[in-house]
Amino acid sequence: MREWLKSLDAEDRRIIGEDIKDVEFSWPLGMPLVRSLGRDIWEVRSSLPHGRIARVLFHAERDCMVLLHGFMKKTQKTPQHDIDLALKRRKGCIT
């Protein structure tokens, strides 16, 4: 997750970071910024310049927002392999 964020340009990181901050400090939140993907996985929906769309998948646990996976969205539906990766990472972080 961290490597993906670092690979983005400064403007994209700023927009995504602000969206994550808005979710973190206003949780629970709904559309258009946050959408449930089921199984306790949620997505932060960030609109970037030039029509690009970024998604950050996370799990909300008690008073923590655990960021699991981030990617640039290229299709209308969130790809199943991205959801599966987030679920795998969530399983690894739950104690």
N, C-alpha and C. Protein backbone atom coordinates (compact mmCIF):
# COMPACT_ATOMS: atom_id res chain seq x y z
N MET A 1 0.82 -1.18 0.00
CA MET A 1 0.00 0.00 0.00
C MET A 1 0.87 1.26 0.00
N ARG A 2 1.84 1.29 0.88
CA ARG A 2 2.71 2.47 1.00
C ARG A 2 3.48 2.70 -0.29
N GLU A 3 3.98 1.63 -0.90
CA GLU A 3 4.76 1.76 -2.14
C GLU A 3 3.89 2.32 -3.25
N TRP A 4 2.65 1.87 -3.31
CA TRP A 4 1.73 2.37 -4.33
C TRP A 4 1.52 3.88 -4.16
N LEU A 5 1.26 4.30 -2.94
CA LEU A 5 1.06 5.73 -2.69
C LEU A 5 2.30 6.54 -3.04
N LYS A 6 3.48 6.03 -2.68
CA LYS A 6 4.72 6.75 -2.98
C LYS A 6 4.98 6.85 -4.48
N SER A 7 4.44 5.91 -5.24
CA SER A 7 4.67 5.92 -6.69
C SER A 7 3.83 6.97 -7.42
N LEU A 8 2.84 7.53 -6.74
CA LEU A 8 1.96 8.53 -7.36
C LEU A 8 2.59 9.91 -7.30
N ASP A 9 2.14 10.80 -8.17
CA ASP A 9 2.67 12.17 -8.11
C ASP A 9 2.05 12.90 -6.92
N ALA A 10 2.62 14.04 -6.58
CA ALA A 10 2.25 14.76 -5.36
C ALA A 10 0.77 15.16 -5.35
N GLU A 11 0.24 15.60 -6.46
CA GLU A 11 -1.17 16.01 -6.52
C GLU A 11 -2.10 14.84 -6.26
N ASP A 12 -1.81 13.68 -6.86
CA ASP A 12 -2.63 12.48 -6.63
C ASP A 12 -2.57 12.06 -5.16
N ARG A 13 -1.37 12.06 -4.58
CA ARG A 13 -1.22 11.71 -3.15
C ARG A 13 -2.00 12.66 -2.26
N ARG A 14 -1.99 13.93 -2.60
CA ARG A 14 -2.71 14.92 -1.80
C ARG A 14 -4.21 14.66 -1.83
N ILE A 15 -4.75 14.43 -3.01
CA ILE A 15 -6.20 14.18 -3.15
C ILE A 15 -6.59 12.91 -2.41
N ILE A 16 -5.85 11.83 -2.63
CA ILE A 16 -6.16 10.56 -1.96
C ILE A 16 -6.02 10.71 -0.45
N GLY A 17 -4.98 11.38 -0.01
CA GLY A 17 -4.76 11.59 1.43
C GLY A 17 -5.89 12.38 2.07
N GLU A 18 -6.37 13.41 1.38
CA GLU A 18 -7.49 14.20 1.91
C GLU A 18 -8.76 13.36 1.99
N ASP A 19 -8.99 12.52 0.98
CA ASP A 19 -10.17 11.66 1.01
C ASP A 19 -10.08 10.65 2.16
N ILE A 20 -8.90 10.06 2.37
CA ILE A 20 -8.71 9.13 3.48
C ILE A 20 -8.94 9.85 4.81
N LYS A 21 -8.40 11.05 4.93
CA LYS A 21 -8.57 11.84 6.16
C LYS A 21 -10.05 12.13 6.41
N ASP A 22 -10.78 12.50 5.37
CA ASP A 22 -12.21 12.79 5.52
C ASP A 22 -12.95 11.55 6.02
N VAL A 23 -12.63 10.39 5.50
CA VAL A 23 -13.27 9.16 5.95
C VAL A 23 -12.89 8.86 7.39
N GLU A 24 -11.61 8.96 7.69
CA GLU A 24 -11.12 8.64 9.03
C GLU A 24 -11.80 9.50 10.10
N PHE A 25 -11.95 10.78 9.85
CA PHE A 25 -12.49 11.68 10.86
C PHE A 25 -14.00 11.85 10.81
N SER A 26 -14.66 11.26 9.81
CA SER A 26 -16.12 11.37 9.70
C SER A 26 -16.80 10.01 9.67
N TRP A 27 -16.07 8.95 9.99
CA TRP A 27 -16.62 7.59 9.91
C TRP A 27 -17.76 7.43 10.89
N PRO A 28 -18.86 6.75 10.55
CA PRO A 28 -19.12 6.10 9.26
C PRO A 28 -19.63 7.10 8.22
N LEU A 29 -19.31 6.80 7.00
CA LEU A 29 -19.63 7.66 5.87
C LEU A 29 -20.16 6.79 4.74
N GLY A 30 -20.86 7.37 3.81
CA GLY A 30 -21.40 6.60 2.68
C GLY A 30 -21.00 7.22 1.35
N MET A 31 -21.79 6.91 0.35
CA MET A 31 -21.56 7.42 -0.99
C MET A 31 -21.67 8.94 -0.98
N PRO A 32 -20.97 9.64 -1.81
CA PRO A 32 -20.17 9.14 -2.92
C PRO A 32 -18.71 8.84 -2.57
N LEU A 33 -18.28 9.11 -1.32
CA LEU A 33 -16.87 8.94 -0.98
C LEU A 33 -16.53 7.51 -0.58
N VAL A 34 -17.45 6.81 0.06
CA VAL A 34 -17.18 5.47 0.58
C VAL A 34 -18.27 4.51 0.12
N ARG A 35 -17.84 3.30 -0.23
CA ARG A 35 -18.80 2.26 -0.62
C ARG A 35 -18.37 0.94 0.00
N SER A 36 -19.34 0.18 0.48
CA SER A 36 -19.06 -1.14 1.03
C SER A 36 -18.87 -2.14 -0.10
N LEU A 37 -17.85 -2.99 0.05
CA LEU A 37 -17.64 -4.08 -0.91
C LEU A 37 -18.05 -5.42 -0.29
N GLY A 38 -18.58 -5.37 0.94
CA GLY A 38 -18.98 -6.58 1.64
C GLY A 38 -17.82 -7.17 2.42
N ARG A 39 -18.13 -8.09 3.30
CA ARG A 39 -17.13 -8.80 4.13
C ARG A 39 -16.21 -7.85 4.89
N ASP A 40 -16.78 -6.74 5.37
CA ASP A 40 -16.04 -5.74 6.15
C ASP A 40 -14.92 -5.07 5.38
N ILE A 41 -15.05 -5.00 4.07
CA ILE A 41 -14.10 -4.27 3.22
C ILE A 41 -14.86 -3.08 2.63
N TRP A 42 -14.24 -1.92 2.72
CA TRP A 42 -14.82 -0.68 2.20
C TRP A 42 -13.84 -0.06 1.21
N GLU A 43 -14.34 0.81 0.34
CA GLU A 43 -13.45 1.51 -0.58
C GLU A 43 -13.64 3.01 -0.47
N VAL A 44 -12.51 3.71 -0.43
CA VAL A 44 -12.50 5.17 -0.55
C VAL A 44 -12.41 5.46 -2.03
N ARG A 45 -13.30 6.29 -2.53
CA ARG A 45 -13.40 6.57 -3.96
C ARG A 45 -12.84 7.97 -4.23
N SER A 46 -11.69 8.04 -4.86
CA SER A 46 -11.03 9.32 -5.13
C SER A 46 -11.04 9.62 -6.62
N SER A 47 -11.50 10.81 -6.97
CA SER A 47 -11.48 11.28 -8.36
C SER A 47 -10.24 12.13 -8.54
N LEU A 48 -9.41 11.74 -9.50
CA LEU A 48 -8.14 12.42 -9.77
C LEU A 48 -8.24 13.22 -11.06
N PRO A 49 -7.28 14.13 -11.28
CA PRO A 49 -7.28 14.90 -12.54
C PRO A 49 -7.23 13.99 -13.78
N HIS A 50 -7.70 14.52 -14.88
CA HIS A 50 -7.67 13.83 -16.18
C HIS A 50 -8.59 12.61 -16.20
N GLY A 51 -9.65 12.63 -15.39
CA GLY A 51 -10.65 11.56 -15.42
C GLY A 51 -10.21 10.25 -14.79
N ARG A 52 -9.11 10.27 -14.06
CA ARG A 52 -8.63 9.03 -13.44
C ARG A 52 -9.34 8.80 -12.11
N ILE A 53 -9.43 7.53 -11.73
CA ILE A 53 -10.12 7.15 -10.50
C ILE A 53 -9.20 6.25 -9.68
N ALA A 54 -9.04 6.59 -8.41
CA ALA A 54 -8.23 5.77 -7.50
C ALA A 54 -9.16 5.17 -6.45
N ARG A 55 -8.80 3.99 -6.00
CA ARG A 55 -9.54 3.33 -4.93
C ARG A 55 -8.55 2.88 -3.86
N VAL A 56 -8.94 3.08 -2.61
CA VAL A 56 -8.19 2.57 -1.47
C VAL A 56 -9.14 1.68 -0.69
N LEU A 57 -8.80 0.40 -0.58
CA LEU A 57 -9.63 -0.54 0.16
C LEU A 57 -9.17 -0.58 1.60
N PHE A 58 -10.14 -0.60 2.52
CA PHE A 58 -9.78 -0.57 3.93
C PHE A 58 -10.76 -1.38 4.76
N HIS A 59 -10.35 -1.62 5.99
CA HIS A 59 -11.17 -2.31 6.98
C HIS A 59 -11.26 -1.40 8.20
N ALA A 60 -12.46 -1.22 8.72
CA ALA A 60 -12.65 -0.39 9.91
C ALA A 60 -12.74 -1.33 11.12
N GLU A 61 -11.85 -1.15 12.05
CA GLU A 61 -11.79 -2.01 13.24
C GLU A 61 -11.72 -1.13 14.47
N ARG A 62 -12.75 -1.24 15.30
CA ARG A 62 -12.88 -0.38 16.48
C ARG A 62 -12.73 1.07 16.07
N ASP A 63 -11.71 1.74 16.55
CA ASP A 63 -11.50 3.14 16.19
C ASP A 63 -10.35 3.31 15.20
N CYS A 64 -10.04 2.24 14.44
CA CYS A 64 -8.93 2.29 13.48
C CYS A 64 -9.42 2.06 12.06
N MET A 65 -8.77 2.73 11.15
CA MET A 65 -8.99 2.53 9.72
C MET A 65 -7.73 1.86 9.19
N VAL A 66 -7.84 0.59 8.78
CA VAL A 66 -6.67 -0.17 8.32
C VAL A 66 -6.69 -0.17 6.79
N LEU A 67 -5.71 0.54 6.19
CA LEU A 67 -5.61 0.59 4.73
C LEU A 67 -5.00 -0.71 4.24
N LEU A 68 -5.68 -1.36 3.29
CA LEU A 68 -5.27 -2.69 2.85
C LEU A 68 -4.69 -2.72 1.44
N HIS A 69 -5.23 -1.91 0.54
CA HIS A 69 -4.82 -2.01 -0.86
C HIS A 69 -5.25 -0.76 -1.60
N GLY A 70 -4.44 -0.29 -2.52
CA GLY A 70 -4.79 0.85 -3.36
C GLY A 70 -4.48 0.55 -4.81
N PHE A 71 -5.29 1.12 -5.70
CA PHE A 71 -5.08 0.90 -7.14
C PHE A 71 -5.82 1.96 -7.94
N MET A 72 -5.43 2.07 -9.20
CA MET A 72 -6.13 2.94 -10.14
C MET A 72 -7.21 2.09 -10.81
N LYS A 73 -8.40 2.59 -10.78
CA LYS A 73 -9.53 1.83 -11.32
C LYS A 73 -9.61 2.02 -12.83
N LYS A 74 -9.73 0.91 -13.55
CA LYS A 74 -9.77 0.97 -15.00
C LYS A 74 -11.08 0.42 -15.56
N THR A 75 -11.86 -0.26 -14.71
CA THR A 75 -13.14 -0.81 -15.15
C THR A 75 -14.23 -0.28 -14.22
N GLN A 76 -15.48 -0.45 -14.64
CA GLN A 76 -16.58 0.06 -13.82
C GLN A 76 -16.71 -0.72 -12.51
N LYS A 77 -16.53 -2.02 -12.57
CA LYS A 77 -16.65 -2.86 -11.39
C LYS A 77 -15.27 -3.05 -10.76
N THR A 78 -15.22 -3.05 -9.41
CA THR A 78 -13.94 -3.29 -8.73
C THR A 78 -13.49 -4.72 -9.03
N PRO A 79 -12.28 -4.90 -9.58
CA PRO A 79 -11.80 -6.23 -9.93
C PRO A 79 -11.73 -7.16 -8.71
N GLN A 80 -12.17 -8.40 -8.91
CA GLN A 80 -12.21 -9.37 -7.83
C GLN A 80 -10.82 -9.63 -7.25
N HIS A 81 -9.76 -9.61 -8.08
CA HIS A 81 -8.43 -9.88 -7.54
C HIS A 81 -7.99 -8.78 -6.56
N ASP A 82 -8.45 -7.55 -6.75
CA ASP A 82 -8.14 -6.48 -5.81
C ASP A 82 -8.87 -6.69 -4.49
N ILE A 83 -10.13 -7.11 -4.57
CA ILE A 83 -10.89 -7.42 -3.35
C ILE A 83 -10.26 -8.59 -2.62
N ASP A 84 -9.88 -9.63 -3.36
CA ASP A 84 -9.25 -10.81 -2.74
C ASP A 84 -7.95 -10.45 -2.03
N LEU A 85 -7.15 -9.57 -2.63
CA LEU A 85 -5.90 -9.15 -2.01
C LEU A 85 -6.18 -8.40 -0.70
N ALA A 86 -7.19 -7.52 -0.71
CA ALA A 86 -7.56 -6.80 0.51
C ALA A 86 -8.03 -7.76 1.59
N LEU A 87 -8.83 -8.76 1.21
CA LEU A 87 -9.29 -9.75 2.18
C LEU A 87 -8.13 -10.54 2.78
N LYS A 88 -7.17 -10.91 1.94
CA LYS A 88 -5.99 -11.63 2.41
C LYS A 88 -5.20 -10.77 3.40
N ARG A 89 -5.01 -9.51 3.07
CA ARG A 89 -4.26 -8.62 3.96
C ARG A 89 -5.03 -8.36 5.24
N ARG A 90 -6.36 -8.26 5.16
CA ARG A 90 -7.16 -8.07 6.37
C ARG A 90 -7.02 -9.27 7.29
N LYS A 91 -7.05 -10.44 6.71
CA LYS A 91 -6.91 -11.67 7.51
C LYS A 91 -5.56 -11.69 8.21
N GLY A 92 -4.53 -11.19 7.57
CA GLY A 92 -3.20 -11.15 8.15
C GLY A 92 -3.01 -10.12 9.24
N CYS A 93 -3.91 -9.13 9.30
CA CYS A 93 -3.71 -8.06 10.30
C CYS A 93 -4.66 -8.18 11.48
N ILE A 94 -5.66 -9.03 11.40
CA ILE A 94 -6.59 -9.19 12.51
C ILE A 94 -5.99 -10.11 13.55
N THR A 95 -6.00 -9.63 14.79
CA THR A 95 -5.43 -10.45 15.87
C THR A 95 -6.49 -11.02 16.76
